[in-house]
């Protein structure tokens, strides 16, 4: 489970919808809300999930700075 991502999102005040939009606009990755939830919770572990998690980590790190 990627609880650290949820914690960072909460601390920064970032929603999953905001991340989904950023993933699409900046990385060309299309993710639907249920899929995003499954990826963050660790249910979805397909290769796309790892790309999404890597991009989300980058996005959150940029927002944190």
PDB file of N, CA and C in Angstrom:
ATOM      1  N   UNK A   1       0.842  -1.186   0.000  1.00  0.00           N
ATOM      2  CA  UNK A   1       0.000   0.000   0.000  1.00  0.00           C
ATOM      3  C   UNK A   1       0.883   1.244   0.000  1.00  0.00           C
ATOM      4  N   UNK A   2       0.417   2.268  -0.643  1.00  0.00           N
ATOM      5  CA  UNK A   2       1.179   3.502  -0.783  1.00  0.00           C
ATOM      6  C   UNK A   2       0.628   4.587   0.142  1.00  0.00           C
ATOM      7  N   UNK A   3       0.632   4.273   1.414  1.00  0.00           N
ATOM      8  CA  UNK A   3       0.063   5.200   2.403  1.00  0.00           C
ATOM      9  C   UNK A   3       0.820   6.517   2.429  1.00  0.00           C
ATOM     10  N   UNK A   4       2.125   6.479   2.140  1.00  0.00           N
ATOM     11  CA  UNK A   4       2.893   7.729   2.141  1.00  0.00           C
ATOM     12  C   UNK A   4       2.383   8.693   1.066  1.00  0.00           C
ATOM     13  N   UNK A   5       1.880   8.159  -0.035  1.00  0.00           N
ATOM     14  CA  UNK A   5       1.317   9.019  -1.082  1.00  0.00           C
ATOM     15  C   UNK A   5       0.050   9.690  -0.564  1.00  0.00           C
ATOM     16  N   UNK A   6      -0.820   8.908   0.061  1.00  0.00           N
ATOM     17  CA  UNK A   6      -2.059   9.486   0.626  1.00  0.00           C
ATOM     18  C   UNK A   6      -1.740  10.553   1.662  1.00  0.00           C
ATOM     19  N   UNK A   7      -0.759  10.284   2.512  1.00  0.00           N
ATOM     20  CA  UNK A   7      -0.382  11.250   3.547  1.00  0.00           C
ATOM     21  C   UNK A   7       0.151  12.537   2.920  1.00  0.00           C
ATOM     22  N   UNK A   8       0.975  12.402   1.908  1.00  0.00           N
ATOM     23  CA  UNK A   8       1.538  13.580   1.242  1.00  0.00           C
ATOM     24  C   UNK A   8       0.443  14.365   0.527  1.00  0.00           C
ATOM     25  N   UNK A   9      -0.494  13.640  -0.111  1.00  0.00           N
ATOM     26  CA  UNK A   9      -1.614  14.314  -0.771  1.00  0.00           C
ATOM     27  C   UNK A   9      -2.415  15.122   0.242  1.00  0.00           C
ATOM     28  N   UNK A  10      -2.681  14.516   1.375  1.00  0.00           N
ATOM     29  CA  UNK A  10      -3.463  15.199   2.406  1.00  0.00           C
ATOM     30  C   UNK A  10      -2.715  16.424   2.925  1.00  0.00           C
ATOM     31  N   UNK A  11      -1.434  16.265   3.189  1.00  0.00           N
ATOM     32  CA  UNK A  11      -0.626  17.373   3.706  1.00  0.00           C
ATOM     33  C   UNK A  11      -0.576  18.533   2.717  1.00  0.00           C
ATOM     34  N   UNK A  12      -0.491  18.214   1.427  1.00  0.00           N
ATOM     35  CA  UNK A  12      -0.406  19.248   0.401  1.00  0.00           C
ATOM     36  C   UNK A  12      -1.780  19.739  -0.059  1.00  0.00           C
ATOM     37  N   UNK A  13      -2.837  19.047   0.364  1.00  0.00           N
ATOM     38  CA  UNK A  13      -4.184  19.423  -0.051  1.00  0.00           C
ATOM     39  C   UNK A  13      -4.466  19.115  -1.507  1.00  0.00           C
ATOM     40  N   UNK A  14      -3.909  18.012  -1.989  1.00  0.00           N
ATOM     41  CA  UNK A  14      -4.058  17.600  -3.386  1.00  0.00           C
ATOM     42  C   UNK A  14      -5.076  16.456  -3.465  1.00  0.00           C
ATOM     43  N   UNK A  15      -6.004  16.551  -4.401  1.00  0.00           N
ATOM     44  CA  UNK A  15      -6.989  15.491  -4.586  1.00  0.00           C
ATOM     45  C   UNK A  15      -6.544  14.527  -5.684  1.00  0.00           C
ATOM     46  N   UNK A  16      -7.172  13.363  -5.707  1.00  0.00           N
ATOM     47  CA  UNK A  16      -6.886  12.402  -6.770  1.00  0.00           C
ATOM     48  C   UNK A  16      -7.259  12.975  -8.129  1.00  0.00           C
ATOM     49  N   UNK A  17      -8.338  13.721  -8.182  1.00  0.00           N
ATOM     50  CA  UNK A  17      -8.773  14.322  -9.458  1.00  0.00           C
ATOM     51  C   UNK A  17      -7.703  15.289  -9.972  1.00  0.00           C
ATOM     52  N   UNK A  18      -7.120  16.072  -9.087  1.00  0.00           N
ATOM     53  CA  UNK A  18      -6.052  16.992  -9.504  1.00  0.00           C
ATOM     54  C   UNK A  18      -4.859  16.213 -10.041  1.00  0.00           C
ATOM     55  N   UNK A  19      -4.518  15.123  -9.387  1.00  0.00           N
ATOM     56  CA  UNK A  19      -3.405  14.298  -9.864  1.00  0.00           C
ATOM     57  C   UNK A  19      -3.728  13.663 -11.210  1.00  0.00           C
ATOM     58  N   UNK A  20      -4.953  13.204 -11.374  1.00  0.00           N
ATOM     59  CA  UNK A  20      -5.364  12.600 -12.648  1.00  0.00           C
ATOM     60  C   UNK A  20      -5.219  13.612 -13.782  1.00  0.00           C
ATOM     61  N   UNK A  21      -5.658  14.833 -13.550  1.00  0.00           N
ATOM     62  CA  UNK A  21      -5.547  15.878 -14.578  1.00  0.00           C
ATOM     63  C   UNK A  21      -4.093  16.175 -14.888  1.00  0.00           C
ATOM     64  N   UNK A  22      -3.254  16.242 -13.854  1.00  0.00           N
ATOM     65  CA  UNK A  22      -1.830  16.524 -14.046  1.00  0.00           C
ATOM     66  C   UNK A  22      -1.142  15.372 -14.781  1.00  0.00           C
ATOM     67  N   UNK A  23      -1.507  14.149 -14.435  1.00  0.00           N
ATOM     68  CA  UNK A  23      -0.942  12.989 -15.127  1.00  0.00           C
ATOM     69  C   UNK A  23      -1.251  13.050 -16.616  1.00  0.00           C
ATOM     70  N   UNK A  24      -2.480  13.428 -16.940  1.00  0.00           N
ATOM     71  CA  UNK A  24      -2.882  13.492 -18.340  1.00  0.00           C
ATOM     72  C   UNK A  24      -2.188  14.641 -19.071  1.00  0.00           C
ATOM     73  N   UNK A  25      -2.181  15.809 -18.465  1.00  0.00           N
ATOM     74  CA  UNK A  25      -1.634  16.979 -19.158  1.00  0.00           C
ATOM     75  C   UNK A  25      -0.110  16.965 -19.244  1.00  0.00           C
ATOM     76  N   UNK A  26       0.565  16.536 -18.185  1.00  0.00           N
ATOM     77  CA  UNK A  26       2.027  16.606 -18.155  1.00  0.00           C
ATOM     78  C   UNK A  26       2.729  15.327 -18.602  1.00  0.00           C
ATOM     79  N   UNK A  27       2.071  14.179 -18.422  1.00  0.00           N
ATOM     80  CA  UNK A  27       2.722  12.904 -18.704  1.00  0.00           C
ATOM     81  C   UNK A  27       2.028  12.091 -19.788  1.00  0.00           C
ATOM     82  N   UNK A  28       0.858  12.543 -20.231  1.00  0.00           N
ATOM     83  CA  UNK A  28       0.125  11.807 -21.251  1.00  0.00           C
ATOM     84  C   UNK A  28      -0.424  10.480 -20.753  1.00  0.00           C
ATOM     85  N   UNK A  29      -0.575  10.352 -19.438  1.00  0.00           N
ATOM     86  CA  UNK A  29      -1.099   9.123 -18.849  1.00  0.00           C
ATOM     87  C   UNK A  29      -2.571   9.344 -18.506  1.00  0.00           C
ATOM     88  N   UNK A  30      -3.436   8.520 -19.074  1.00  0.00           N
ATOM     89  CA  UNK A  30      -4.866   8.614 -18.791  1.00  0.00           C
ATOM     90  C   UNK A  30      -5.236   7.592 -17.732  1.00  0.00           C
ATOM     91  N   UNK A  31      -5.845   8.094 -16.659  1.00  0.00           N
ATOM     92  CA  UNK A  31      -6.254   7.243 -15.552  1.00  0.00           C
ATOM     93  C   UNK A  31      -7.664   7.661 -15.141  1.00  0.00           C
ATOM     94  N   UNK A  32      -8.525   6.686 -14.953  1.00  0.00           N
ATOM     95  CA  UNK A  32      -9.876   6.955 -14.470  1.00  0.00           C
ATOM     96  C   UNK A  32      -9.857   6.960 -12.938  1.00  0.00           C
ATOM     97  N   UNK A  33     -10.782   7.697 -12.307  1.00  0.00           N
ATOM     98  CA  UNK A  33     -10.782   7.769 -10.833  1.00  0.00           C
ATOM     99  C   UNK A  33     -10.764   6.420 -10.110  1.00  0.00           C
ATOM    100  N   UNK A  34     -11.587   5.436 -10.514  1.00  0.00           N
ATOM    101  CA  UNK A  34     -11.510   4.149  -9.795  1.00  0.00           C
ATOM    102  C   UNK A  34     -10.143   3.475  -9.957  1.00  0.00           C
ATOM    103  N   UNK A  35      -9.579   3.588 -11.141  1.00  0.00           N
ATOM    104  CA  UNK A  35      -8.261   3.001 -11.396  1.00  0.00           C
ATOM    105  C   UNK A  35      -7.205   3.689 -10.531  1.00  0.00           C
ATOM    106  N   UNK A  36      -7.290   5.017 -10.419  1.00  0.00           N
ATOM    107  CA  UNK A  36      -6.342   5.776  -9.605  1.00  0.00           C
ATOM    108  C   UNK A  36      -6.422   5.332  -8.150  1.00  0.00           C
ATOM    109  N   UNK A  37      -7.619   5.167  -7.663  1.00  0.00           N
ATOM    110  CA  UNK A  37      -7.819   4.711  -6.290  1.00  0.00           C
ATOM    111  C   UNK A  37      -7.199   3.333  -6.077  1.00  0.00           C
ATOM    112  N   UNK A  38      -7.389   2.436  -7.031  1.00  0.00           N
ATOM    113  CA  UNK A  38      -6.819   1.091  -6.937  1.00  0.00           C
ATOM    114  C   UNK A  38      -5.298   1.121  -6.983  1.00  0.00           C
ATOM    115  N   UNK A  39      -4.749   1.999  -7.780  1.00  0.00           N
ATOM    116  CA  UNK A  39      -3.290   2.117  -7.883  1.00  0.00           C
ATOM    117  C   UNK A  39      -2.717   2.623  -6.564  1.00  0.00           C
ATOM    118  N   UNK A  40      -3.308   3.670  -6.030  1.00  0.00           N
ATOM    119  CA  UNK A  40      -2.794   4.245  -4.783  1.00  0.00           C
ATOM    120  C   UNK A  40      -2.961   3.267  -3.621  1.00  0.00           C
ATOM    121  N   UNK A  41      -4.048   2.521  -3.617  1.00  0.00           N
ATOM    122  CA  UNK A  41      -4.270   1.575  -2.519  1.00  0.00           C
ATOM    123  C   UNK A  41      -3.445   0.302  -2.674  1.00  0.00           C
ATOM    124  N   UNK A  42      -2.842   0.093  -3.841  1.00  0.00           N
ATOM    125  CA  UNK A  42      -1.993  -1.074  -4.060  1.00  0.00           C
ATOM    126  C   UNK A  42      -2.724  -2.272  -4.629  1.00  0.00           C
ATOM    127  N   UNK A  43      -4.003  -2.117  -4.964  1.00  0.00           N
ATOM    128  CA  UNK A  43      -4.775  -3.213  -5.550  1.00  0.00           C
ATOM    129  C   UNK A  43      -4.319  -3.465  -6.983  1.00  0.00           C
ATOM    130  N   UNK A  44      -4.117  -2.406  -7.733  1.00  0.00           N
ATOM    131  CA  UNK A  44      -3.683  -2.492  -9.125  1.00  0.00           C
ATOM    132  C   UNK A  44      -2.163  -2.394  -9.155  1.00  0.00           C
ATOM    133  N   UNK A  45      -1.512  -3.451  -9.590  1.00  0.00           N
ATOM    134  CA  UNK A  45      -0.041  -3.475  -9.618  1.00  0.00           C
ATOM    135  C   UNK A  45       0.511  -3.732 -11.018  1.00  0.00           C
ATOM    136  N   UNK A  46      -0.316  -3.496 -12.022  1.00  0.00           N
ATOM    137  CA  UNK A  46       0.124  -3.695 -13.402  1.00  0.00           C
ATOM    138  C   UNK A  46       1.233  -2.706 -13.742  1.00  0.00           C
ATOM    139  N   UNK A  47       1.974  -2.940 -14.834  1.00  0.00           N
ATOM    140  CA  UNK A  47       3.061  -2.027 -15.205  1.00  0.00           C
ATOM    141  C   UNK A  47       2.623  -0.559 -15.297  1.00  0.00           C
ATOM    142  N   UNK A  48       1.420  -0.313 -15.796  1.00  0.00           N
ATOM    143  CA  UNK A  48       0.932   1.062 -15.868  1.00  0.00           C
ATOM    144  C   UNK A  48       0.863   1.676 -14.470  1.00  0.00           C
ATOM    145  N   UNK A  49       0.498   0.872 -13.491  1.00  0.00           N
ATOM    146  CA  UNK A  49       0.386   1.359 -12.114  1.00  0.00           C
ATOM    147  C   UNK A  49       1.731   1.898 -11.628  1.00  0.00           C
ATOM    148  N   UNK A  50       2.802   1.217 -11.946  1.00  0.00           N
ATOM    149  CA  UNK A  50       4.118   1.684 -11.511  1.00  0.00           C
ATOM    150  C   UNK A  50       4.489   2.994 -12.191  1.00  0.00           C
ATOM    151  N   UNK A  51       4.145   3.132 -13.475  1.00  0.00           N
ATOM    152  CA  UNK A  51       4.391   4.411 -14.173  1.00  0.00           C
ATOM    153  C   UNK A  51       3.606   5.532 -13.512  1.00  0.00           C
ATOM    154  N   UNK A  52       2.351   5.248 -13.167  1.00  0.00           N
ATOM    155  CA  UNK A  52       1.504   6.245 -12.506  1.00  0.00           C
ATOM    156  C   UNK A  52       2.104   6.630 -11.163  1.00  0.00           C
ATOM    157  N   UNK A  53       2.510   5.649 -10.364  1.00  0.00           N
ATOM    158  CA  UNK A  53       3.083   5.933  -9.044  1.00  0.00           C
ATOM    159  C   UNK A  53       4.363   6.749  -9.157  1.00  0.00           C
ATOM    160  N   UNK A  54       5.207   6.413 -10.119  1.00  0.00           N
ATOM    161  CA  UNK A  54       6.442   7.177 -10.324  1.00  0.00           C
ATOM    162  C   UNK A  54       6.124   8.630 -10.670  1.00  0.00           C
ATOM    163  N   UNK A  55       5.161   8.822 -11.570  1.00  0.00           N
ATOM    164  CA  UNK A  55       4.778  10.179 -11.971  1.00  0.00           C
ATOM    165  C   UNK A  55       4.137  10.930 -10.810  1.00  0.00           C
ATOM    166  N   UNK A  56       3.308  10.260 -10.032  1.00  0.00           N
ATOM    167  CA  UNK A  56       2.661  10.896  -8.880  1.00  0.00           C
ATOM    168  C   UNK A  56       3.715  11.327  -7.860  1.00  0.00           C
ATOM    169  N   UNK A  57       4.692  10.481  -7.619  1.00  0.00           N
ATOM    170  CA  UNK A  57       5.786  10.839  -6.694  1.00  0.00           C
ATOM    171  C   UNK A  57       6.494  12.106  -7.181  1.00  0.00           C
ATOM    172  N   UNK A  58       6.747  12.185  -8.471  1.00  0.00           N
ATOM    173  CA  UNK A  58       7.397  13.363  -9.045  1.00  0.00           C
ATOM    174  C   UNK A  58       6.531  14.594  -8.901  1.00  0.00           C
ATOM    175  N   UNK A  59       5.258  14.460  -9.219  1.00  0.00           N
ATOM    176  CA  UNK A  59       4.315  15.588  -9.116  1.00  0.00           C
ATOM    177  C   UNK A  59       4.249  16.092  -7.685  1.00  0.00           C
ATOM    178  N   UNK A  60       4.105  15.181  -6.738  1.00  0.00           N
ATOM    179  CA  UNK A  60       4.000  15.581  -5.336  1.00  0.00           C
ATOM    180  C   UNK A  60       5.291  16.208  -4.827  1.00  0.00           C
ATOM    181  N   UNK A  61       6.427  15.690  -5.280  1.00  0.00           N
ATOM    182  CA  UNK A  61       7.713  16.281  -4.883  1.00  0.00           C
ATOM    183  C   UNK A  61       7.834  17.704  -5.406  1.00  0.00           C
ATOM    184  N   UNK A  62       7.399  17.934  -6.650  1.00  0.00           N
ATOM    185  CA  UNK A  62       7.437  19.282  -7.216  1.00  0.00           C
ATOM    186  C   UNK A  62       6.510  20.223  -6.450  1.00  0.00           C
ATOM    187  N   UNK A  63       5.337  19.736  -6.073  1.00  0.00           N
ATOM    188  CA  UNK A  63       4.393  20.561  -5.321  1.00  0.00           C
ATOM    189  C   UNK A  63       4.907  20.871  -3.920  1.00  0.00           C
ATOM    190  N   UNK A  64       5.704  19.959  -3.385  1.00  0.00           N
ATOM    191  CA  UNK A  64       6.207  20.127  -2.034  1.00  0.00           C
ATOM    192  C   UNK A  64       7.336  21.157  -1.977  1.00  0.00           C
ATOM    193  N   UNK A  65       7.952  21.424  -3.106  1.00  0.00           N
ATOM    194  CA  UNK A  65       9.075  22.378  -3.135  1.00  0.00           C
ATOM    195  C   UNK A  65       8.662  23.757  -3.526  1.00  0.00           C
TER     196      UNK A  65
END
